[in-house]
């Protein structure tokens, strides 16, 4: 079971092409979006500036993902946070995917922005578990480098079905960034969802949970399924991701149920059984504790 793909699907991670920016001379662009913003520098260089943080230089081929609700500035230099850019035009370009030219001179800098968001009611989150800034320099991963180059070529030289290609690259870009970044970061993110990457025991336990969430798992049966002792799993699981096996199982079941309530017309009884509950009242109580509302009301609210 591919746990990362499973979480991305259930949490409804979705991307859209934002602004395609050409910049030159003295320039700065402010970005303040509700979701996460990925910037791929396809030519030239830029600086990422955040209030109270050290600026980050971005070279051609670099990719950076800035977390949800993290205002930031892209600029020509680390000390330039406002070069009089038309904020309304920039915001419109982010929403529509337009090309926009900024700066005091013809542009030799090209930056493509991709905006990502997700279902904020789902508690098992990938985007929100990431740090505020994920910077993948050019050369960190061949696949990521290839995707940045392909994105730049497709935008510079549109062909038949360019829109379809770009829509696919939007999804691929996030996955390639994660592939390049995650293997080196597990130790720094113990106690979060990504902590499982640094512990093969916990990773295998999560794979079993995700492969069969309806199974009557206990810490003991889960430990037996991966050939470790109950004490070992009880110690290592919360140390890695900050939750006990039972707590994570319940959370994941409720997230699966929430997704099915929003995206299917299945009866509540069917959904309850699909996530391991043989009693609808017991399922409803667990769901209400997790989401603050009953399953039926949750479904209705999600379809308004």
Protein backbone atom coordinates (compact mmCIF):
# COMPACT_ATOMS: atom_id res chain seq x y z
CA UNK A 1 0.00 0.00 0.00
CA UNK A 2 1.35 3.42 -1.03
CA UNK A 3 0.52 5.40 2.11
CA UNK A 4 1.53 8.82 0.74
CA UNK A 5 -0.66 8.42 -2.37
CA UNK A 6 -3.52 7.20 -0.19
CA UNK A 7 -3.35 10.27 2.05
CA UNK A 8 -3.07 12.63 -0.94
CA UNK A 9 -6.18 11.09 -2.48
CA UNK A 10 -8.33 11.07 0.66
CA UNK A 11 -7.29 14.57 1.73
CA UNK A 12 -8.30 15.82 -1.72
CA UNK A 13 -4.99 17.41 -2.68
CA UNK A 14 -5.61 19.31 -5.90
CA UNK A 15 -3.44 21.67 -7.89
CA UNK A 16 -3.98 24.40 -10.44
CA UNK A 17 -1.59 26.40 -12.56
CA UNK A 18 -1.08 29.87 -11.09
CA UNK A 19 0.76 32.84 -12.55
CA UNK A 20 3.43 32.45 -15.22
CA UNK A 21 5.78 35.28 -14.41
CA UNK A 22 8.46 36.98 -16.49
CA UNK A 23 10.53 39.48 -14.52
CA UNK A 24 13.53 41.70 -15.04
CA UNK A 25 15.40 44.60 -13.47
CA UNK A 26 14.00 45.70 -10.12
CA UNK A 27 10.93 43.68 -9.20
CA UNK A 28 8.97 42.09 -6.36
CA UNK A 29 5.72 40.13 -6.27
CA UNK A 30 3.65 39.47 -3.15
CA UNK A 31 1.89 36.10 -2.83
CA UNK A 32 -0.79 35.49 -0.21
CA UNK A 33 -2.92 32.48 -1.11
CA UNK A 34 -5.11 30.28 1.12
CA UNK A 35 -3.41 27.11 -0.10
CA UNK A 36 0.20 26.12 -0.65
CA UNK A 37 2.18 27.77 -3.46
CA UNK A 38 4.86 25.94 -5.42
CA UNK A 39 7.29 28.09 -7.40
CA UNK A 40 9.45 26.54 -10.12
CA UNK A 41 12.21 28.79 -11.44
CA UNK A 42 12.62 27.85 -15.10
CA UNK A 43 15.10 30.64 -15.98
CA UNK A 44 17.18 33.21 -14.11
CA UNK A 45 17.10 33.53 -10.33
CA UNK A 46 14.91 35.01 -7.61
CA UNK A 47 14.71 35.46 -3.84
CA UNK A 48 12.01 34.11 -1.53
CA UNK A 49 11.33 36.57 1.29
CA UNK A 50 9.18 35.93 4.37
CA UNK A 51 8.66 38.28 7.31
CA UNK A 52 11.14 37.58 10.10
CA UNK A 53 12.92 34.79 8.19
CA UNK A 54 16.18 34.55 6.27
CA UNK A 55 15.68 35.10 2.52
CA UNK A 56 16.19 32.04 0.31
CA UNK A 57 17.92 32.32 -3.05
CA UNK A 58 16.25 30.39 -5.85
CA UNK A 59 18.32 29.49 -8.91
CA UNK A 60 17.19 28.18 -12.29
CA UNK A 61 15.80 24.67 -11.81
CA UNK A 62 14.99 25.20 -8.12
CA UNK A 63 11.55 24.36 -6.78
CA UNK A 64 10.12 25.68 -3.53
CA UNK A 65 6.82 24.86 -1.84
CA UNK A 66 5.52 27.52 0.55
CA UNK A 67 2.93 26.29 3.02
CA UNK A 68 -0.74 27.19 3.26
CA UNK A 69 -1.50 30.71 4.46
CA UNK A 70 2.17 31.73 4.44
CA UNK A 71 2.44 35.23 2.91
CA UNK A 72 5.70 35.72 1.04
CA UNK A 73 7.43 37.76 -1.63
CA UNK A 74 9.40 36.75 -4.71
CA UNK A 75 11.91 39.43 -5.65
CA UNK A 76 15.09 40.22 -7.56
CA UNK A 77 17.13 40.76 -4.38
CA UNK A 78 16.87 39.85 -0.68
CA UNK A 79 16.31 43.45 0.41
CA UNK A 80 13.53 44.27 -2.04
CA UNK A 81 10.08 43.46 -0.69
CA UNK A 82 8.06 46.03 -2.62
CA UNK A 83 8.86 47.29 -6.11
CA UNK A 84 5.44 48.73 -6.79
CA UNK A 85 3.99 45.60 -8.41
CA UNK A 86 0.31 45.72 -9.32
CA UNK A 87 -1.03 43.46 -6.56
CA UNK A 88 -4.48 43.15 -8.12
CA UNK A 89 -3.02 42.05 -11.46
CA UNK A 90 -0.74 39.56 -9.74
CA UNK A 91 -3.58 38.08 -7.70
CA UNK A 92 -5.72 37.78 -10.84
CA UNK A 93 -2.88 36.02 -12.68
CA UNK A 94 -2.53 33.55 -9.80
CA UNK A 95 -6.20 32.68 -10.03
CA UNK A 96 -6.38 32.41 -13.83
CA UNK A 97 -2.94 31.06 -14.75
CA UNK A 98 -2.17 34.10 -16.90
CA UNK A 99 1.27 35.22 -17.97
CA UNK A 100 2.36 38.41 -16.24
CA UNK A 101 5.38 40.64 -16.79
CA UNK A 102 6.85 42.51 -13.84
CA UNK A 103 9.88 44.68 -13.21
CA UNK A 104 11.70 47.70 -14.53
CA UNK A 105 13.36 45.94 -17.48
CA UNK A 106 12.62 43.20 -20.03
CA UNK A 107 12.50 39.87 -18.24
CA UNK A 108 15.12 37.14 -18.16
CA UNK A 109 13.63 35.54 -15.03
CA UNK A 110 10.79 33.04 -15.44
CA UNK A 111 8.86 31.57 -12.54
CA UNK A 112 5.86 29.25 -12.77
CA UNK A 113 3.54 29.08 -9.77
CA UNK A 114 1.31 26.12 -8.99
CA UNK A 115 -1.32 26.45 -6.26
CA UNK A 116 -2.34 23.45 -4.15
CA UNK A 117 -5.21 23.05 -1.73
CA UNK A 118 -7.02 20.19 -0.02
CA UNK A 119 -10.07 19.26 2.04
CA UNK A 120 -9.43 21.15 5.27
CA UNK A 121 -11.84 18.95 7.24
CA UNK A 122 -9.65 15.88 6.77
CA UNK A 123 -7.31 15.48 9.75
CA UNK A 124 -4.69 13.22 8.15
CA UNK A 125 -3.02 15.90 6.09
CA UNK A 126 0.00 15.94 3.84
CA UNK A 127 0.17 19.63 2.93
CA UNK A 128 -0.34 20.84 6.50
CA UNK A 129 2.26 18.43 7.88
CA UNK A 130 4.98 19.98 5.73
CA UNK A 131 7.19 22.80 7.06
CA UNK A 132 6.46 26.36 5.93
CA UNK A 133 9.12 26.14 3.22
CA UNK A 134 10.30 23.06 1.32
CA UNK A 135 13.22 24.02 -0.93
CA UNK A 136 14.51 21.52 -3.48
CA UNK A 137 17.56 22.94 -5.29
CA UNK A 138 18.24 21.97 -8.89
CA UNK A 139 20.16 18.72 -8.99
CA UNK A 140 18.51 17.25 -5.88
CA UNK A 141 16.55 14.75 -7.94
CA UNK A 142 16.71 13.91 -11.63
CA UNK A 143 12.94 13.41 -11.92
CA UNK A 144 12.21 16.77 -10.30
CA UNK A 145 14.72 18.48 -12.61
CA UNK A 146 13.14 16.82 -15.65
CA UNK A 147 9.65 17.93 -14.62
CA UNK A 148 10.76 21.56 -14.19
CA UNK A 149 12.35 21.53 -17.64
CA UNK A 150 9.26 19.94 -19.18
CA UNK A 151 7.04 22.53 -17.53
CA UNK A 152 9.19 25.35 -18.90
CA UNK A 153 9.25 23.88 -22.42
CA UNK A 154 5.51 23.29 -22.52
CA UNK A 155 4.77 26.86 -21.48
CA UNK A 156 7.35 28.38 -23.84
CA UNK A 157 6.27 26.31 -26.86
CA UNK A 158 2.59 25.29 -26.61
CA UNK A 159 1.59 22.34 -28.78
CA UNK A 160 -1.38 20.06 -29.31
CA UNK A 161 -2.98 19.18 -25.95
CA UNK A 162 -0.70 21.51 -23.97
CA UNK A 163 -3.47 22.07 -21.42
CA UNK A 164 -3.73 18.33 -20.78
CA UNK A 165 0.04 18.07 -20.38
CA UNK A 166 0.14 21.01 -17.97
CA UNK A 167 -2.69 19.57 -15.87
CA UNK A 168 -0.73 16.34 -15.51
CA UNK A 169 2.51 18.17 -14.69
CA UNK A 170 0.74 20.07 -11.90
CA UNK A 171 0.13 16.77 -10.08
CA UNK A 172 3.50 15.27 -11.00
CA UNK A 173 5.42 18.34 -9.79
CA UNK A 174 4.22 17.97 -6.19
CA UNK A 175 5.04 14.26 -6.12
CA UNK A 176 8.51 14.82 -7.59
CA UNK A 177 9.22 17.56 -5.05
CA UNK A 178 8.22 15.23 -2.21
CA UNK A 179 10.33 12.39 -3.62
CA UNK A 180 13.39 14.63 -3.76
CA UNK A 181 12.84 16.14 -0.30
CA UNK A 182 11.41 13.43 1.94
CA UNK A 183 14.25 10.87 2.12
CA UNK A 184 16.58 13.40 3.73
CA UNK A 185 14.08 14.85 6.20
CA UNK A 186 12.62 12.02 8.30
CA UNK A 187 14.85 12.61 11.34
CA UNK A 188 13.82 16.27 11.52
CA UNK A 189 10.11 15.47 11.49
CA UNK A 190 9.71 12.84 14.16
CA UNK A 191 6.41 13.34 15.93
CA UNK A 192 4.64 14.35 12.71
CA UNK A 193 3.04 12.27 9.99
CA UNK A 194 6.29 12.28 7.99
CA UNK A 195 8.14 10.71 10.91
CA UNK A 196 7.07 7.29 9.62
CA UNK A 197 9.63 7.62 6.83
CA UNK A 198 12.47 7.26 9.31
CA UNK A 199 11.13 4.13 11.01
CA UNK A 200 10.54 1.03 8.86
CA UNK A 201 8.52 -0.62 11.63
CA UNK A 202 6.05 2.26 11.78
CA UNK A 203 5.95 2.54 8.00
CA UNK A 204 4.99 -1.14 7.68
CA UNK A 205 2.33 -0.73 10.36
CA UNK A 206 0.82 2.20 8.48
CA UNK A 207 0.87 0.21 5.25
CA UNK A 208 -1.18 -2.53 6.94
CA UNK A 209 -3.68 -0.02 8.36
CA UNK A 210 -4.13 1.67 4.99
CA UNK A 211 -4.42 -1.63 3.13
CA UNK A 212 -7.27 -2.84 5.36
CA UNK A 213 -8.71 -0.04 7.52
CA UNK A 214 -11.87 -2.03 8.29
CA UNK A 215 -9.96 -4.85 9.97
CA UNK A 216 -10.39 -5.18 13.73
CA UNK A 217 -6.88 -3.97 14.45
CA UNK A 218 -5.43 -3.77 17.94
CA UNK A 219 -1.90 -2.78 18.80
CA UNK A 220 -1.21 -6.46 19.40
CA UNK A 221 -2.59 -7.74 16.08
CA UNK A 222 -0.92 -4.91 14.19
CA UNK A 223 2.40 -5.71 15.84
CA UNK A 224 2.00 -9.40 15.02
CA UNK A 225 1.28 -8.60 11.37
CA UNK A 226 4.71 -6.98 11.02
CA UNK A 227 6.54 -9.44 13.29
CA UNK A 228 7.43 -7.13 16.17
CA UNK A 229 6.36 -7.15 19.81
CA UNK A 230 3.41 -5.14 21.06
CA UNK A 231 5.76 -3.20 23.35
CA UNK A 232 8.03 -2.29 20.44
CA UNK A 233 5.17 -0.95 18.33
CA UNK A 234 3.61 0.86 21.30
CA UNK A 235 6.90 2.66 21.87
CA UNK A 236 7.98 3.39 18.30
CA UNK A 237 4.65 4.37 16.72
CA UNK A 238 3.95 7.49 18.83
CA UNK A 239 7.65 8.40 18.86
CA UNK A 240 7.59 8.50 15.06
CA UNK A 241 4.27 10.18 14.26
CA UNK A 242 2.99 11.57 17.56
CA UNK A 243 -0.05 9.27 17.90
CA UNK A 244 -0.76 5.79 19.21
CA UNK A 245 -1.73 3.10 16.68
CA UNK A 246 -5.32 3.12 17.92
CA UNK A 247 -5.62 6.90 17.68
CA UNK A 248 -4.23 6.94 14.15
CA UNK A 249 -6.53 4.09 13.07
CA UNK A 250 -9.62 5.93 14.31
CA UNK A 251 -8.51 9.18 12.68
CA UNK A 252 -7.86 7.50 9.34
CA UNK A 253 -11.19 5.66 9.44
CA UNK A 254 -13.03 8.93 10.05
CA UNK A 255 -11.14 10.62 7.21
CA UNK A 256 -12.06 7.79 4.84
CA UNK A 257 -15.67 8.03 5.93
CA UNK A 258 -15.68 11.80 5.42
CA UNK A 259 -14.34 11.43 1.89
CA UNK A 260 -16.97 8.83 1.02
CA UNK A 261 -19.76 10.97 2.47
CA UNK A 262 -18.70 13.85 0.23
CA UNK A 263 -18.02 11.88 -2.95
CA UNK A 264 -20.52 8.99 -2.98
CA UNK A 265 -24.20 8.31 -2.37
CA UNK A 266 -23.48 5.19 -0.32
CA UNK A 267 -25.75 4.68 2.70
CA UNK A 268 -24.23 5.55 6.05
CA UNK A 269 -24.52 1.88 7.02
CA UNK A 270 -22.31 0.87 4.09
CA UNK A 271 -19.72 3.53 4.86
CA UNK A 272 -19.67 2.56 8.54
CA UNK A 273 -19.04 -1.10 7.70
CA UNK A 274 -16.37 -0.10 5.19
CA UNK A 275 -14.33 1.57 7.92
CA UNK A 276 -14.74 -1.16 10.51
CA UNK A 277 -17.94 -0.25 12.37
CA UNK A 278 -20.71 -2.85 12.65
CA UNK A 279 -22.89 -0.47 14.65
CA UNK A 280 -24.16 2.69 12.95
CA UNK A 281 -24.75 4.50 16.28
CA UNK A 282 -21.15 3.73 17.34
CA UNK A 283 -19.90 5.00 13.99
CA UNK A 284 -22.02 8.16 14.25
CA UNK A 285 -20.66 8.91 17.71
CA UNK A 286 -17.07 8.43 16.57
CA UNK A 287 -17.64 10.55 13.46
CA UNK A 288 -19.27 13.35 15.45
CA UNK A 289 -16.34 13.41 17.88
CA UNK A 290 -13.92 13.67 14.96
CA UNK A 291 -15.76 16.18 12.76
CA UNK A 292 -18.08 18.00 15.13
CA UNK A 293 -21.24 17.01 13.27
CA UNK A 294 -23.23 13.89 12.46
CA UNK A 295 -22.51 11.97 9.22
CA UNK A 296 -25.77 12.98 7.54
CA UNK A 297 -25.30 16.67 8.28
CA UNK A 298 -21.67 16.47 7.16
CA UNK A 299 -22.77 15.02 3.82
CA UNK A 300 -25.44 17.68 3.32
CA UNK A 301 -23.09 20.55 4.20
CA UNK A 302 -20.44 19.26 1.79
CA UNK A 303 -22.85 19.34 -1.15
CA UNK A 304 -24.23 22.84 -0.78
